[in-house]
């Protein structure tokens, strides 16, 4: 039995429901451990987080030291149509230097 992963799962656009294909899925992928790979679909993937105040909040993520995420797909057409509602951000890695007292 094939292990279900993000790579070999079936995906549909979260907006229109269109089935999205993994354009790089190969017949021999059953032998490859692809559990850490996002699908290369004809569209994009998105991580969805719900914070405090949402009825879907993920507070147990913090309380149980769990680490789960919601992953969704969006087809190119729906992305282009909804692009004005999406924020494009730069991710900056901040370094912080803290001086410690000598022990």
N, C-alpha and C. Protein backbone atom coordinates (compact mmCIF):
# COMPACT_ATOMS: atom_id res chain seq x y z
N UNK A 1 0.84 -1.19 0.00
CA UNK A 1 0.00 0.00 0.00
C UNK A 1 0.88 1.25 0.00
N UNK A 2 0.57 2.19 -0.87
CA UNK A 2 1.36 3.40 -1.01
C UNK A 2 1.08 4.36 0.15
N UNK A 3 2.16 4.87 0.78
CA UNK A 3 2.04 5.84 1.86
C UNK A 3 1.55 7.16 1.28
N UNK A 4 0.49 7.73 1.87
CA UNK A 4 -0.04 9.00 1.36
C UNK A 4 0.79 10.16 1.90
N UNK A 5 1.24 11.01 1.00
CA UNK A 5 2.03 12.19 1.34
C UNK A 5 1.44 13.39 0.60
N UNK A 6 1.96 14.57 0.88
CA UNK A 6 1.53 15.75 0.12
C UNK A 6 1.81 15.55 -1.36
N UNK A 7 2.94 14.91 -1.66
CA UNK A 7 3.40 14.74 -3.03
C UNK A 7 2.44 13.88 -3.85
N UNK A 8 1.94 12.80 -3.28
CA UNK A 8 1.12 11.88 -4.08
C UNK A 8 -0.38 11.98 -3.78
N UNK A 9 -0.80 12.98 -3.00
CA UNK A 9 -2.22 13.17 -2.71
C UNK A 9 -2.94 13.80 -3.89
N UNK A 10 -4.25 13.66 -3.88
CA UNK A 10 -5.06 14.37 -4.87
C UNK A 10 -5.30 15.78 -4.34
N UNK A 11 -5.26 16.77 -5.23
CA UNK A 11 -5.42 18.16 -4.85
C UNK A 11 -6.48 18.83 -5.70
N UNK A 12 -7.22 19.74 -5.08
CA UNK A 12 -8.21 20.55 -5.77
C UNK A 12 -8.03 22.00 -5.34
N UNK A 13 -8.33 22.91 -6.24
CA UNK A 13 -8.24 24.34 -5.94
C UNK A 13 -9.22 24.68 -4.82
N UNK A 14 -8.75 25.41 -3.83
CA UNK A 14 -9.59 25.78 -2.69
C UNK A 14 -10.69 26.76 -3.08
N UNK A 15 -10.56 27.43 -4.22
CA UNK A 15 -11.56 28.42 -4.65
C UNK A 15 -12.59 27.80 -5.60
N UNK A 16 -12.13 27.22 -6.71
CA UNK A 16 -13.07 26.73 -7.73
C UNK A 16 -13.29 25.22 -7.69
N UNK A 17 -12.44 24.50 -6.97
CA UNK A 17 -12.60 23.05 -6.86
C UNK A 17 -11.97 22.24 -7.98
N UNK A 18 -11.38 22.92 -8.96
CA UNK A 18 -10.75 22.23 -10.09
C UNK A 18 -9.66 21.27 -9.59
N UNK A 19 -9.63 20.06 -10.17
CA UNK A 19 -8.58 19.11 -9.81
C UNK A 19 -7.24 19.60 -10.36
N UNK A 20 -6.23 19.57 -9.50
CA UNK A 20 -4.90 20.02 -9.88
C UNK A 20 -3.96 18.82 -9.89
N UNK A 21 -3.18 18.70 -10.95
CA UNK A 21 -2.29 17.57 -11.10
C UNK A 21 -0.88 17.93 -10.67
N UNK A 22 -0.20 16.97 -10.06
CA UNK A 22 1.22 17.12 -9.76
C UNK A 22 1.94 16.83 -11.07
N UNK A 23 2.51 17.85 -11.68
CA UNK A 23 3.09 17.69 -13.01
C UNK A 23 4.41 16.94 -13.00
N UNK A 24 4.95 16.66 -11.81
CA UNK A 24 6.21 15.93 -11.72
C UNK A 24 6.03 14.53 -11.14
N UNK A 25 4.81 14.08 -10.93
CA UNK A 25 4.57 12.77 -10.34
C UNK A 25 5.02 11.69 -11.33
N UNK A 26 5.88 10.81 -10.86
CA UNK A 26 6.43 9.75 -11.70
C UNK A 26 5.88 8.40 -11.25
N UNK A 27 5.78 7.44 -12.16
CA UNK A 27 5.25 6.13 -11.79
C UNK A 27 6.06 5.43 -10.68
N UNK A 28 7.36 5.69 -10.60
CA UNK A 28 8.18 5.01 -9.60
C UNK A 28 8.24 5.75 -8.27
N UNK A 29 7.37 6.74 -8.06
CA UNK A 29 7.39 7.51 -6.82
C UNK A 29 7.03 6.66 -5.60
N UNK A 30 6.43 5.48 -5.80
CA UNK A 30 6.12 4.61 -4.67
C UNK A 30 7.39 4.20 -3.94
N UNK A 31 8.49 4.10 -4.64
CA UNK A 31 9.74 3.66 -4.04
C UNK A 31 10.51 4.82 -3.41
N UNK A 32 10.11 6.04 -3.69
CA UNK A 32 10.82 7.23 -3.22
C UNK A 32 10.12 7.80 -2.00
N UNK A 33 10.86 8.07 -0.91
CA UNK A 33 10.25 8.67 0.27
C UNK A 33 10.10 10.16 0.02
N UNK A 34 8.92 10.56 -0.39
CA UNK A 34 8.67 11.95 -0.75
C UNK A 34 7.85 12.66 0.31
N UNK A 35 7.90 12.20 1.56
CA UNK A 35 7.06 12.76 2.61
C UNK A 35 7.43 14.20 2.96
N UNK A 36 8.62 14.66 2.59
CA UNK A 36 9.01 16.02 2.91
C UNK A 36 8.93 16.96 1.72
N UNK A 37 8.24 16.57 0.66
CA UNK A 37 8.22 17.36 -0.57
C UNK A 37 6.81 17.87 -0.85
N UNK A 38 6.69 19.18 -1.13
CA UNK A 38 5.41 19.73 -1.56
C UNK A 38 5.17 19.33 -3.01
N UNK A 39 3.92 19.16 -3.40
CA UNK A 39 3.63 18.81 -4.79
C UNK A 39 4.00 19.95 -5.73
N UNK A 40 4.37 19.59 -6.93
CA UNK A 40 4.65 20.59 -7.96
C UNK A 40 3.45 20.62 -8.88
N UNK A 41 2.39 21.26 -8.40
CA UNK A 41 1.13 21.23 -9.13
C UNK A 41 1.01 22.38 -10.11
N UNK A 42 0.03 22.27 -10.98
CA UNK A 42 -0.27 23.35 -11.93
C UNK A 42 -1.05 24.43 -11.19
N UNK A 43 -0.37 25.14 -10.33
CA UNK A 43 -0.94 26.17 -9.46
C UNK A 43 0.03 26.38 -8.33
N UNK A 44 -0.45 26.63 -7.14
CA UNK A 44 0.43 26.84 -6.01
C UNK A 44 -0.12 26.22 -4.75
N UNK A 45 0.73 26.15 -3.73
CA UNK A 45 0.30 25.67 -2.43
C UNK A 45 0.36 26.83 -1.45
N UNK A 46 -0.44 26.77 -0.42
CA UNK A 46 -0.46 27.80 0.60
C UNK A 46 -0.61 27.15 1.97
N UNK A 47 0.08 27.71 2.96
CA UNK A 47 -0.10 27.29 4.35
C UNK A 47 -1.13 28.23 4.95
N UNK A 48 -2.08 27.67 5.69
CA UNK A 48 -3.13 28.47 6.30
C UNK A 48 -3.00 28.33 7.81
N UNK A 49 -2.92 29.46 8.51
CA UNK A 49 -2.82 29.47 9.97
C UNK A 49 -4.02 30.21 10.54
N UNK A 50 -4.56 29.68 11.62
CA UNK A 50 -5.67 30.32 12.32
C UNK A 50 -5.21 30.66 13.72
N UNK A 51 -5.30 31.93 14.08
CA UNK A 51 -4.87 32.38 15.40
C UNK A 51 -6.03 32.48 16.38
N UNK A 52 -5.68 32.94 17.57
CA UNK A 52 -6.67 33.11 18.63
C UNK A 52 -7.80 34.01 18.15
N UNK A 53 -9.00 33.61 18.45
CA UNK A 53 -10.17 34.38 18.04
C UNK A 53 -10.91 33.73 16.89
N UNK A 54 -10.22 32.91 16.14
CA UNK A 54 -10.87 32.17 15.06
C UNK A 54 -11.50 30.91 15.63
N UNK A 55 -12.65 30.51 15.11
CA UNK A 55 -13.23 29.24 15.57
C UNK A 55 -12.37 28.05 15.13
N UNK A 56 -11.42 28.31 14.21
CA UNK A 56 -10.50 27.26 13.75
C UNK A 56 -9.10 27.43 14.34
N UNK A 57 -9.00 28.18 15.45
CA UNK A 57 -7.67 28.49 15.96
C UNK A 57 -6.89 27.21 16.26
N UNK A 58 -5.58 27.36 16.21
CA UNK A 58 -4.68 26.23 16.38
C UNK A 58 -3.93 26.33 17.71
N UNK A 59 -4.65 26.78 18.76
CA UNK A 59 -4.02 26.99 20.05
C UNK A 59 -3.42 25.69 20.62
N UNK A 60 -4.03 24.56 20.30
CA UNK A 60 -3.45 23.30 20.80
C UNK A 60 -2.08 23.05 20.21
N UNK A 61 -1.77 23.71 19.09
CA UNK A 61 -0.42 23.65 18.53
C UNK A 61 0.59 24.12 19.57
N UNK A 62 0.26 25.20 20.28
CA UNK A 62 1.15 25.75 21.28
C UNK A 62 1.07 24.97 22.58
N UNK A 63 -0.13 24.63 23.00
CA UNK A 63 -0.31 23.96 24.29
C UNK A 63 0.30 22.56 24.31
N UNK A 64 0.20 21.85 23.21
CA UNK A 64 0.70 20.47 23.16
C UNK A 64 2.07 20.38 22.50
N UNK A 65 2.68 21.53 22.21
CA UNK A 65 3.95 21.56 21.48
C UNK A 65 3.85 20.77 20.20
N UNK A 66 2.67 20.80 19.60
CA UNK A 66 2.45 20.11 18.33
C UNK A 66 2.91 21.02 17.21
N UNK A 67 2.95 20.47 16.04
CA UNK A 67 3.35 21.27 14.90
C UNK A 67 2.57 20.78 13.68
N UNK A 68 1.34 21.23 13.56
CA UNK A 68 0.57 20.86 12.38
C UNK A 68 0.18 22.11 11.63
N UNK A 69 -0.05 21.95 10.35
CA UNK A 69 -0.42 23.07 9.49
C UNK A 69 -1.52 22.62 8.55
N UNK A 70 -2.22 23.59 8.02
CA UNK A 70 -3.17 23.33 6.95
C UNK A 70 -2.50 23.72 5.64
N UNK A 71 -2.56 22.84 4.65
CA UNK A 71 -2.00 23.10 3.33
C UNK A 71 -3.15 23.08 2.32
N UNK A 72 -3.20 24.08 1.47
CA UNK A 72 -4.24 24.16 0.44
C UNK A 72 -3.58 24.47 -0.89
N UNK A 73 -4.31 24.21 -1.95
CA UNK A 73 -3.83 24.53 -3.29
C UNK A 73 -4.76 25.53 -3.95
N UNK A 74 -4.17 26.28 -4.88
CA UNK A 74 -4.88 27.32 -5.60
C UNK A 74 -4.45 27.25 -7.05
N UNK A 75 -5.41 27.16 -7.96
CA UNK A 75 -5.04 27.10 -9.38
C UNK A 75 -4.56 28.47 -9.84
N UNK A 76 -3.84 28.49 -10.95
CA UNK A 76 -3.29 29.74 -11.49
C UNK A 76 -4.39 30.76 -11.80
N UNK A 77 -5.50 30.31 -12.38
CA UNK A 77 -6.58 31.24 -12.75
C UNK A 77 -7.17 31.91 -11.51
N UNK A 78 -7.44 31.14 -10.46
CA UNK A 78 -8.02 31.72 -9.24
C UNK A 78 -7.01 32.62 -8.53
N UNK A 79 -5.74 32.24 -8.56
CA UNK A 79 -4.71 33.10 -7.96
C UNK A 79 -4.69 34.46 -8.67
N UNK A 80 -4.68 34.42 -10.00
CA UNK A 80 -4.66 35.68 -10.76
C UNK A 80 -5.90 36.52 -10.46
N UNK A 81 -7.04 35.86 -10.33
CA UNK A 81 -8.29 36.57 -10.05
C UNK A 81 -8.31 37.17 -8.64
N UNK A 82 -7.72 36.48 -7.69
CA UNK A 82 -7.74 36.91 -6.28
C UNK A 82 -6.45 37.58 -5.83
N UNK A 83 -5.52 37.78 -6.72
CA UNK A 83 -4.19 38.32 -6.37
C UNK A 83 -4.28 39.61 -5.56
N UNK A 84 -5.25 40.46 -5.86
CA UNK A 84 -5.35 41.75 -5.16
C UNK A 84 -5.70 41.57 -3.68
N UNK A 85 -6.16 40.39 -3.29
CA UNK A 85 -6.52 40.12 -1.89
C UNK A 85 -5.37 39.47 -1.11
N UNK A 86 -4.28 39.17 -1.79
CA UNK A 86 -3.17 38.43 -1.20
C UNK A 86 -2.00 39.37 -0.94
N UNK A 87 -1.35 39.18 0.17
CA UNK A 87 -0.17 39.98 0.53
C UNK A 87 1.10 39.25 0.12
N UNK A 88 1.97 39.95 -0.59
CA UNK A 88 3.29 39.42 -0.92
C UNK A 88 4.25 40.06 0.06
N UNK A 89 5.00 39.25 0.80
CA UNK A 89 5.88 39.79 1.83
C UNK A 89 7.30 39.29 1.63
N UNK A 90 8.24 40.08 2.12
CA UNK A 90 9.63 39.65 2.19
C UNK A 90 9.85 39.11 3.59
N UNK A 91 10.58 38.03 3.70
CA UNK A 91 10.89 37.44 4.99
C UNK A 91 12.32 37.82 5.34
N UNK A 92 12.47 38.58 6.39
CA UNK A 92 13.78 39.02 6.83
C UNK A 92 14.19 38.22 8.07
N UNK A 93 15.38 37.69 8.03
CA UNK A 93 15.90 36.98 9.19
C UNK A 93 16.57 38.00 10.09
N UNK A 94 16.08 38.14 11.29
CA UNK A 94 16.63 39.13 12.21
C UNK A 94 17.65 38.46 13.13
N UNK A 95 18.80 39.08 13.29
CA UNK A 95 19.80 38.62 14.24
C UNK A 95 19.73 39.52 15.45
N UNK A 96 19.90 38.92 16.59
CA UNK A 96 19.90 39.69 17.82
C UNK A 96 21.08 39.24 18.66
N UNK A 97 21.87 40.20 19.10
CA UNK A 97 23.03 39.89 19.92
C UNK A 97 22.73 40.33 21.35
N UNK A 98 22.81 39.40 22.27
CA UNK A 98 22.53 39.67 23.67
C UNK A 98 23.81 39.45 24.48
N UNK A 99 24.23 40.46 25.20
CA UNK A 99 25.43 40.33 26.03
C UNK A 99 25.07 39.65 27.33
N UNK A 100 25.78 38.60 27.64
CA UNK A 100 25.54 37.87 28.88
C UNK A 100 26.60 38.23 29.89
N UNK A 101 26.20 38.26 31.11
CA UNK A 101 27.18 38.48 32.18
C UNK A 101 28.05 37.26 32.29
N UNK A 102 29.33 37.48 32.59
CA UNK A 102 30.26 36.35 32.76
C UNK A 102 29.87 35.60 34.02
N UNK A 103 29.99 34.30 33.93
CA UNK A 103 29.62 33.45 35.08
C UNK A 103 30.83 33.09 35.89
